[in-house]
Every structure is written in C-alpha cells, then in structure tokens.
C-alpha cells in the first residue's frame, strides 16, 4: 500500500471512547489491497461526511440452532456502523443476491447494481466444545478484492462482544482509525421519586446493552472513571461520614478504599498508565491535589495553596496535571 493510497483512504475522526479488550483471533487469507484501496474509501470534504453504502447480509449459520446468534450478530454490526454516521447500511430488501456460501465469492455485479461499495459476509458455527466460531470477510465491491478477514472463538453468551469486535475491524479498515464499538461505559443510574432518589454505579456496552449494576444504591456514588489498563473503576462514595475514593474491580466485584485520609477525598482520575490515582483531598478549610501510587500506596502532594483545588486530570502523555473544569462537589 503506497502513502498516496493511505492518504486517499483514511478519514480523520476523534476516538470518543477507549477500553482495551482482547479476543482470540487469527487472520484469514486476504487478497491484494492496493487497487481496492484506491476505489473504496470515505471522502471527507468541508466537514461533511458522505456515508459509505455498505451491505451486511445475515451471517450464515452452521445449523438451525445458530440462527438466533447469526441474526443478532448481523443486527449489532449494522447498528454500530449506522450510528457511527460514516456508513449507510443498505436495506436488505434491495439485495439481489442471497448469500448462500461463506466460502464463495459474492456476485459483485449484483452488489454494484444496488450501489454497495463494500460488503460484509460472515458465518457462525458451533464447535464440539460448545464454543462459537465467528468468521467474517470484508469485500471491496468495485475491485472484487477482500479487504480483511478474521475468525474468533468465544462462548455463546459472548456473541455481542464478537459483533462489536467485528465492527471495530471493519471501521478501522475503512476509516484508518481504531474503532470504539468494543467499549463499555460506566455511569450513575438514578431512579426513584425525587425525595428518595437512588444512585447506583452502573456499566453498559457502548450501544446501551448489557446494563449491570455495580453498587446497590445504599450510598451516594459520583464521578466514576475507568482505568486505562485494568478492569477497574475509581469513584467517589458518600455514605456514613466524609466522601471517600474507592477502587472497584468490575470483574470480581472486589472494592477497596484509596487511602485512609482524615478529610474527604473526591474527584478521582487514573493516570494514563493506570498505575496512579490523582484526587482532591480536603485538609482544613481548603483542598489540594494528591496522587497515590496504587502499588506502593505512597501519596505525593501536588499543590499547597489556600484555594480549593479540585477536578484534576492528566495530560494524555501523563506529563502534566491540570483542571478538567468540573464544578466542585458540594456535600
């Protein structure tokens, strides 16, 4: 692939969410990409994005028991790409060819007729050990070349995540930037009448599915933040006494307090490496910024002023600390 190809093919878009997550994957054979890249591309001019028409036929199943998973995976991929604003999935009612074999080449003239510029084909088969094998291929309709292909193995209850990972792969291949679909959002869920509001720490997939409550609502919880390197969240909890900063492992449910400080602690954030937590600590009438190393538990004071220092955050490279422009928390 030449530098000119890359420049024509890529589109610049800020990555809005980030949560690293792995999966077992092996690359499938891909065709020559040079000519394909010159054809299928996203064109961004004057701030306007022309969504790329893309066809996403239902994934094929290895048996009748796989039909629900195949439809679900196809629907999740379609929804992800449509919501990105960069893709325009074509209505399946317009399809001329019915994909009957994952191993056969699509009839590209049929897809050109309906103006599809790319097509995703896939297959889901259940293995002898009960796992699902999910395969997909991304095709350039104009050149008839395969742009990328992958296969994944997972447990049946994890099919949604595989759909997000496939979406990320397609997004990255066609835009040149990392996808954000295989991410989760941590948030505060608020329910109940206004005089008895209950706030629970919650988590969900980026598309709103798989909502899970991480706390029971017994204490007030605020300002949750993900670790960039581990499956942990730091947040502020206000129960009996002063607010405290906690760490919570979202996989095991294990919770621990970040330091036993005499005053209240609030506004926690992880460092870019995930090895430190920066926060505000009240001492007397004012608050200052402190950073704690999560391995050694050693605390370092960063500010010493008569002002109220709050809402700290790191620069992306971890070299500087500044304000995130959040309002101070009143308790």
Protein backbone atom coordinates (compact mmCIF):
# COMPACT_ATOMS: atom_id res chain seq x y z
CA UNK A 1 0.00 0.00 0.00
CA UNK A 2 1.50 3.36 -1.03
CA UNK A 3 1.42 6.52 1.06
CA UNK A 4 -0.91 8.05 -1.53
CA UNK A 5 -3.32 5.12 -1.10
CA UNK A 6 -3.33 5.59 2.65
CA UNK A 7 -3.93 9.32 2.33
CA UNK A 8 -6.88 8.80 0.00
CA UNK A 9 -8.41 6.03 2.08
CA UNK A 10 -8.18 7.38 5.62
CA UNK A 11 -10.68 9.68 7.30
CA UNK A 12 -9.85 11.63 10.45
CA UNK A 13 -12.25 11.21 13.34
CA UNK A 14 -11.60 11.57 17.07
CA UNK A 15 -11.84 8.34 19.02
CA UNK A 16 -14.50 9.05 21.63
CA UNK A 17 -14.28 6.01 23.85
CA UNK A 18 -11.44 3.69 24.76
CA UNK A 19 -11.39 0.46 26.71
CA UNK A 20 -8.88 -2.19 25.77
CA UNK A 21 -10.20 -5.71 25.47
CA UNK A 22 -8.72 -8.78 23.79
CA UNK A 23 -10.12 -11.75 21.97
CA UNK A 24 -8.78 -14.93 20.47
CA UNK A 25 -8.38 -14.23 16.76
CA UNK A 26 -6.46 -15.47 13.77
CA UNK A 27 -6.17 -13.68 10.46
CA UNK A 28 -7.72 -15.23 7.40
CA UNK A 29 -6.22 -15.02 3.95
CA UNK A 30 -6.69 -11.56 2.41
CA UNK A 31 -6.35 -10.52 -1.20
CA UNK A 32 -4.28 -7.78 -2.77
CA UNK A 33 -5.31 -4.44 -1.31
CA UNK A 34 -3.57 -1.84 -3.44
CA UNK A 35 -6.18 -1.47 -6.17
CA UNK A 36 -9.05 -1.92 -3.71
CA UNK A 37 -7.94 0.94 -1.53
CA UNK A 38 -7.98 3.31 -4.48
CA UNK A 39 -11.66 2.51 -5.04
CA UNK A 40 -13.49 2.03 -1.72
CA UNK A 41 -12.90 4.99 0.53
CA UNK A 42 -14.61 7.52 2.75
CA UNK A 43 -14.39 11.05 1.39
CA UNK A 44 -14.47 13.92 3.90
CA UNK A 45 -14.67 17.46 2.48
CA UNK A 46 -15.52 20.72 4.19
CA UNK A 47 -16.59 18.97 7.37
CA UNK A 48 -19.29 16.89 5.64
CA UNK A 49 -19.09 13.10 5.61
CA UNK A 50 -20.77 11.14 2.82
CA UNK A 51 -21.71 7.83 4.49
CA UNK A 52 -20.34 4.80 2.69
CA UNK A 53 -23.08 2.50 1.32
CA UNK A 54 -22.35 -0.94 2.77
CA UNK A 55 -24.22 -4.25 2.52
CA UNK A 56 -24.39 -6.52 5.56
CA UNK A 57 -26.27 -9.73 4.71
CA UNK A 58 -27.25 -12.01 7.57
CA UNK A 59 -24.36 -14.15 8.73
CA UNK A 60 -24.73 -17.81 7.80
CA UNK A 61 -25.26 -20.42 10.49
CA UNK A 62 -23.80 -23.89 10.73
CA UNK A 63 -27.18 -25.24 11.89
CA UNK A 64 -30.70 -24.19 12.92
CA UNK A 65 -29.56 -23.59 16.50
CA UNK A 66 -27.20 -20.88 15.26
CA UNK A 67 -29.88 -18.75 13.59
CA UNK A 68 -30.57 -16.56 16.61
CA UNK A 69 -26.87 -15.80 17.06
CA UNK A 70 -26.35 -15.05 13.36
CA UNK A 71 -29.25 -12.60 13.24
CA UNK A 72 -28.14 -10.95 16.47
CA UNK A 73 -24.54 -10.51 15.29
CA UNK A 74 -25.68 -9.06 11.97
CA UNK A 75 -28.04 -6.62 13.67
CA UNK A 76 -25.41 -5.42 16.16
CA UNK A 77 -22.83 -4.82 13.40
CA UNK A 78 -25.40 -2.98 11.31
CA UNK A 79 -26.45 -0.79 14.24
CA UNK A 80 -22.87 0.01 15.19
CA UNK A 81 -21.84 1.13 11.72
CA UNK A 82 -25.04 3.12 11.13
CA UNK A 83 -24.70 5.03 14.44
CA UNK A 84 -21.12 6.00 13.61
CA UNK A 85 -22.51 8.30 10.90
CA UNK A 86 -19.83 7.14 8.45
CA UNK A 87 -21.72 4.19 6.96
CA UNK A 88 -25.11 3.77 5.33
CA UNK A 89 -26.18 0.11 5.60
CA UNK A 90 -28.34 -0.82 2.62
CA UNK A 91 -31.85 -2.14 3.20
CA UNK A 92 -31.74 -5.97 2.84
CA UNK A 93 -34.93 -5.77 0.76
CA UNK A 94 -32.80 -4.29 -2.04
CA UNK A 95 -30.37 -7.22 -2.15
CA UNK A 96 -30.31 -9.09 -5.46
CA UNK A 97 -28.00 -11.91 -4.42
CA UNK A 98 -28.82 -14.09 -1.44
CA UNK A 99 -25.52 -15.14 0.14
CA UNK A 100 -25.62 -18.93 0.40
CA UNK A 101 -21.97 -19.81 0.96
CA UNK A 102 -19.36 -18.06 3.06
CA UNK A 103 -16.56 -19.66 1.01
CA UNK A 104 -17.83 -18.47 -2.38
CA UNK A 105 -17.12 -15.07 -3.90
CA UNK A 106 -20.07 -12.68 -3.83
CA UNK A 107 -21.56 -11.80 -7.21
CA UNK A 108 -20.10 -8.32 -7.28
CA UNK A 109 -22.12 -7.03 -10.28
CA UNK A 110 -25.30 -7.65 -8.25
CA UNK A 111 -23.96 -5.55 -5.39
CA UNK A 112 -22.77 -2.79 -7.73
CA UNK A 113 -26.30 -2.57 -9.08
CA UNK A 114 -27.63 -1.53 -5.66
CA UNK A 115 -24.71 0.91 -5.18
CA UNK A 116 -22.97 -1.07 -2.43
CA UNK A 117 -19.32 -0.09 -2.17
CA UNK A 118 -18.45 -2.70 0.45
CA UNK A 119 -20.00 -5.94 1.67
CA UNK A 120 -19.53 -7.94 4.87
CA UNK A 121 -20.11 -11.70 4.77
CA UNK A 122 -19.94 -13.96 7.79
CA UNK A 123 -20.55 -17.39 9.25
CA UNK A 124 -21.26 -18.69 12.76
CA UNK A 125 -20.67 -22.36 13.61
CA UNK A 126 -20.88 -24.15 16.95
CA UNK A 127 -17.78 -26.17 17.85
CA UNK A 128 -17.64 -29.55 19.54
CA UNK A 129 -16.67 -27.95 22.85
CA UNK A 130 -19.72 -25.67 22.75
CA UNK A 131 -17.89 -22.52 21.68
CA UNK A 132 -18.93 -20.36 18.75
CA UNK A 133 -16.65 -19.82 15.81
CA UNK A 134 -17.41 -16.49 14.13
CA UNK A 135 -15.84 -15.69 10.75
CA UNK A 136 -16.22 -12.62 8.59
CA UNK A 137 -14.84 -11.12 5.39
CA UNK A 138 -14.94 -7.52 4.21
CA UNK A 139 -15.05 -7.08 0.44
CA UNK A 140 -14.45 -4.14 -1.87
CA UNK A 141 -17.30 -4.37 -4.37
CA UNK A 142 -15.66 -2.24 -7.09
CA UNK A 143 -12.42 -4.22 -7.28
CA UNK A 144 -13.77 -7.58 -6.10
CA UNK A 145 -10.95 -7.82 -3.57
CA UNK A 146 -11.09 -8.95 0.05
CA UNK A 147 -10.00 -6.14 2.34
CA UNK A 148 -9.76 -8.08 5.58
CA UNK A 149 -10.97 -11.26 7.27
CA UNK A 150 -10.87 -12.69 10.76
CA UNK A 151 -12.15 -15.59 12.80
CA UNK A 152 -12.94 -15.61 16.51
CA UNK A 153 -13.79 -18.26 19.08
CA UNK A 154 -15.96 -17.41 22.06
CA UNK A 155 -18.57 -18.74 24.45
CA UNK A 156 -22.18 -18.49 23.22
CA UNK A 157 -23.11 -15.82 25.77
CA UNK A 158 -20.33 -13.56 24.41
CA UNK A 159 -21.68 -13.19 20.87
CA UNK A 160 -22.48 -9.49 21.28
CA UNK A 161 -18.90 -8.68 22.07
CA UNK A 162 -17.69 -10.52 18.98
CA UNK A 163 -20.12 -8.42 16.93
CA UNK A 164 -18.54 -5.28 18.42
CA UNK A 165 -15.04 -6.56 17.63
CA UNK A 166 -16.04 -7.30 14.02
CA UNK A 167 -17.48 -3.77 13.81
CA UNK A 168 -14.18 -2.35 15.08
CA UNK A 169 -12.23 -4.29 12.47
CA UNK A 170 -14.45 -3.06 9.63
CA UNK A 171 -14.39 0.52 10.95
CA UNK A 172 -10.60 0.56 11.21
CA UNK A 173 -10.07 -0.98 7.78
CA UNK A 174 -12.33 1.52 6.04
CA UNK A 175 -11.52 4.69 8.00
CA UNK A 176 -7.90 4.19 9.07
CA UNK A 177 -8.74 4.82 12.75
CA UNK A 178 -9.36 2.50 15.68
CA UNK A 179 -12.97 1.52 16.28
CA UNK A 180 -14.76 2.22 19.54
CA UNK A 181 -17.58 -0.33 19.47
CA UNK A 182 -15.95 -2.89 21.80
CA UNK A 183 -16.09 -0.49 24.72
CA UNK A 184 -18.13 -0.09 27.86
CA UNK A 185 -19.49 2.97 29.62
CA UNK A 186 -19.60 3.40 33.38
CA UNK A 187 -22.27 5.79 34.62
CA UNK A 188 -24.54 6.69 37.54
CA UNK A 189 -28.05 5.27 37.24
CA UNK A 190 -30.59 7.40 39.10
CA UNK A 191 -34.07 6.09 39.93
CA UNK A 192 -36.91 6.67 42.39
CA UNK A 193 -39.10 9.64 43.38
CA UNK A 194 -37.38 12.99 43.73
CA UNK A 195 -37.44 12.88 47.54
CA UNK A 196 -35.89 9.40 47.63
CA UNK A 197 -33.52 9.26 44.68
CA UNK A 198 -31.25 6.21 44.49
CA UNK A 199 -27.91 6.46 42.65
CA UNK A 200 -26.22 3.24 41.60
CA UNK A 201 -22.87 2.76 39.90
CA UNK A 202 -23.66 1.02 36.61
CA UNK A 203 -21.97 -0.23 33.45
CA UNK A 204 -23.20 -0.99 29.93
CA UNK A 205 -21.95 -1.64 26.42
CA UNK A 206 -21.50 1.46 24.26
CA UNK A 207 -24.76 0.66 22.45
CA UNK A 208 -26.77 0.57 25.69
CA UNK A 209 -26.98 -3.23 26.01
CA UNK A 210 -25.91 -5.43 28.94
CA UNK A 211 -26.65 -2.92 31.70
CA UNK A 212 -25.24 -4.15 35.01
CA UNK A 213 -25.41 -2.52 38.45
CA UNK A 214 -22.13 -2.42 40.37
CA UNK A 215 -23.50 -0.95 43.62
CA UNK A 216 -26.84 -1.39 45.37
CA UNK A 217 -27.69 2.26 45.94
CA UNK A 218 -27.12 2.27 49.70
CA UNK A 219 -24.57 5.09 49.42
CA UNK A 220 -24.37 8.12 47.13
CA UNK A 221 -21.87 7.44 44.31
CA UNK A 222 -20.38 10.01 41.93
CA UNK A 223 -17.64 10.65 39.33
CA UNK A 224 -16.80 7.11 38.11
CA UNK A 225 -13.70 6.75 35.92
CA UNK A 226 -12.26 3.74 34.09
CA UNK A 227 -8.68 2.59 34.42
CA UNK A 228 -6.93 2.66 31.03
CA UNK A 229 -5.02 -0.55 31.78
CA UNK A 230 -7.11 -2.76 34.07
CA UNK A 231 -10.74 -3.74 34.63
CA UNK A 232 -11.06 -1.27 37.49
CA UNK A 233 -13.11 1.82 38.21
CA UNK A 234 -12.35 4.62 40.64
CA UNK A 235 -15.25 6.62 42.02
CA UNK A 236 -16.40 8.69 44.98
CA UNK A 237 -18.83 7.25 47.53
CA UNK A 238 -20.60 9.32 50.18
CA UNK A 239 -22.07 7.11 52.86
CA UNK A 240 -21.60 7.40 56.60
CA UNK A 241 -19.22 10.30 57.17
CA UNK A 242 -16.99 12.06 54.65
CA UNK A 243 -16.78 11.17 50.95
CA UNK A 244 -14.18 8.55 50.11
CA UNK A 245 -12.49 7.47 46.89
CA UNK A 246 -12.82 3.76 46.08
CA UNK A 247 -11.39 1.28 43.60
CA UNK A 248 -13.73 -1.39 42.22
CA UNK A 249 -12.76 -4.39 40.11
CA UNK A 250 -15.69 -4.79 37.72
CA UNK A 251 -14.94 -8.47 37.05
CA UNK A 252 -14.55 -9.71 40.63
CA UNK A 253 -16.63 -7.08 42.44
CA UNK A 254 -13.81 -6.51 44.94
CA UNK A 255 -13.85 -2.98 46.37
CA UNK A 256 -11.20 -1.12 48.37
CA UNK A 257 -10.81 2.39 49.69
CA UNK A 258 -8.00 4.52 48.26
CA UNK A 259 -6.17 5.57 51.39
CA UNK A 260 -7.46 6.27 54.90
CA UNK A 261 -7.28 10.06 54.91
CA UNK A 262 -8.70 12.24 57.72
CA UNK A 263 -10.60 14.62 55.40
CA UNK A 264 -12.89 13.92 52.50
CA UNK A 265 -11.47 12.72 49.17
CA UNK A 266 -13.15 13.34 45.83
CA UNK A 267 -12.76 13.82 42.04
CA UNK A 268 -10.57 10.77 41.36
CA UNK A 269 -8.98 10.01 38.00
CA UNK A 270 -6.49 7.43 36.82
CA UNK A 271 -3.16 8.37 35.29
CA UNK A 272 -2.69 7.38 31.62
CA UNK A 273 -0.74 4.30 32.74
CA UNK A 274 -3.38 3.26 35.28
CA UNK A 275 -0.70 2.99 37.98
CA UNK A 276 -1.69 6.12 39.92
CA UNK A 277 -4.88 7.85 41.02
CA UNK A 278 -4.99 11.63 41.27
CA UNK A 279 -7.63 13.19 43.52
CA UNK A 280 -8.57 16.10 45.73
CA UNK A 281 -8.07 15.80 49.49
CA UNK A 282 -9.58 18.20 52.00
CA UNK A 283 -7.35 19.43 54.79
CA UNK A 284 -8.95 22.07 56.98
CA UNK A 285 -10.93 24.67 55.05
CA UNK A 286 -9.36 24.04 51.63
CA UNK A 287 -8.49 21.13 49.39
CA UNK A 288 -5.33 20.26 47.50
CA UNK A 289 -4.34 17.74 44.84
CA UNK A 290 -2.65 14.47 45.72
CA UNK A 291 -1.53 11.48 43.69
CA UNK A 292 -1.31 7.94 45.04
CA UNK A 293 0.78 5.13 43.59
CA UNK A 294 -1.53 2.10 43.62
CA UNK A 295 1.29 -0.40 44.09
CA UNK A 296 3.22 1.22 46.93
CA UNK A 297 0.27 3.24 48.33
CA UNK A 298 2.66 6.17 48.58
CA UNK A 299 0.92 9.56 48.39
CA UNK A 300 2.50 12.68 46.90
CA UNK A 301 1.12 16.18 47.43
CA UNK A 302 0.95 18.21 44.22
CA UNK A 303 -0.49 21.57 45.36
CA UNK A 304 -0.29 23.58 48.57
CA UNK A 305 -2.45 26.68 48.27
CA UNK A 306 -5.22 28.45 50.15
CA UNK A 307 -7.55 27.95 47.18
CA UNK A 308 -9.87 25.00 46.61
CA UNK A 309 -8.11 22.72 44.13
CA UNK A 310 -10.42 20.14 42.60
CA UNK A 311 -11.23 18.12 39.46
CA UNK A 312 -7.66 17.23 38.48
CA UNK A 313 -6.78 15.32 35.33
CA UNK A 314 -3.67 14.29 33.45
CA UNK A 315 -2.48 15.38 30.05
CA UNK A 316 -2.71 12.46 27.58
CA UNK A 317 1.04 11.84 27.80
CA UNK A 318 0.92 11.84 31.62
CA UNK A 319 3.42 14.66 31.93
CA UNK A 320 1.21 17.44 33.25
CA UNK A 321 -1.77 17.82 35.56
CA UNK A 322 -4.49 20.39 35.12
CA UNK A 323 -8.14 21.11 35.81
CA UNK A 324 -10.86 19.20 33.99
CA UNK A 325 -13.22 22.14 34.51
CA UNK A 326 -15.71 20.25 36.61
CA UNK A 327 -17.71 22.03 39.28
CA UNK A 328 -16.66 21.31 42.87
CA UNK A 329 -18.77 18.67 44.59
CA UNK A 330 -20.94 20.08 47.39
CA UNK A 331 -21.83 17.66 50.19
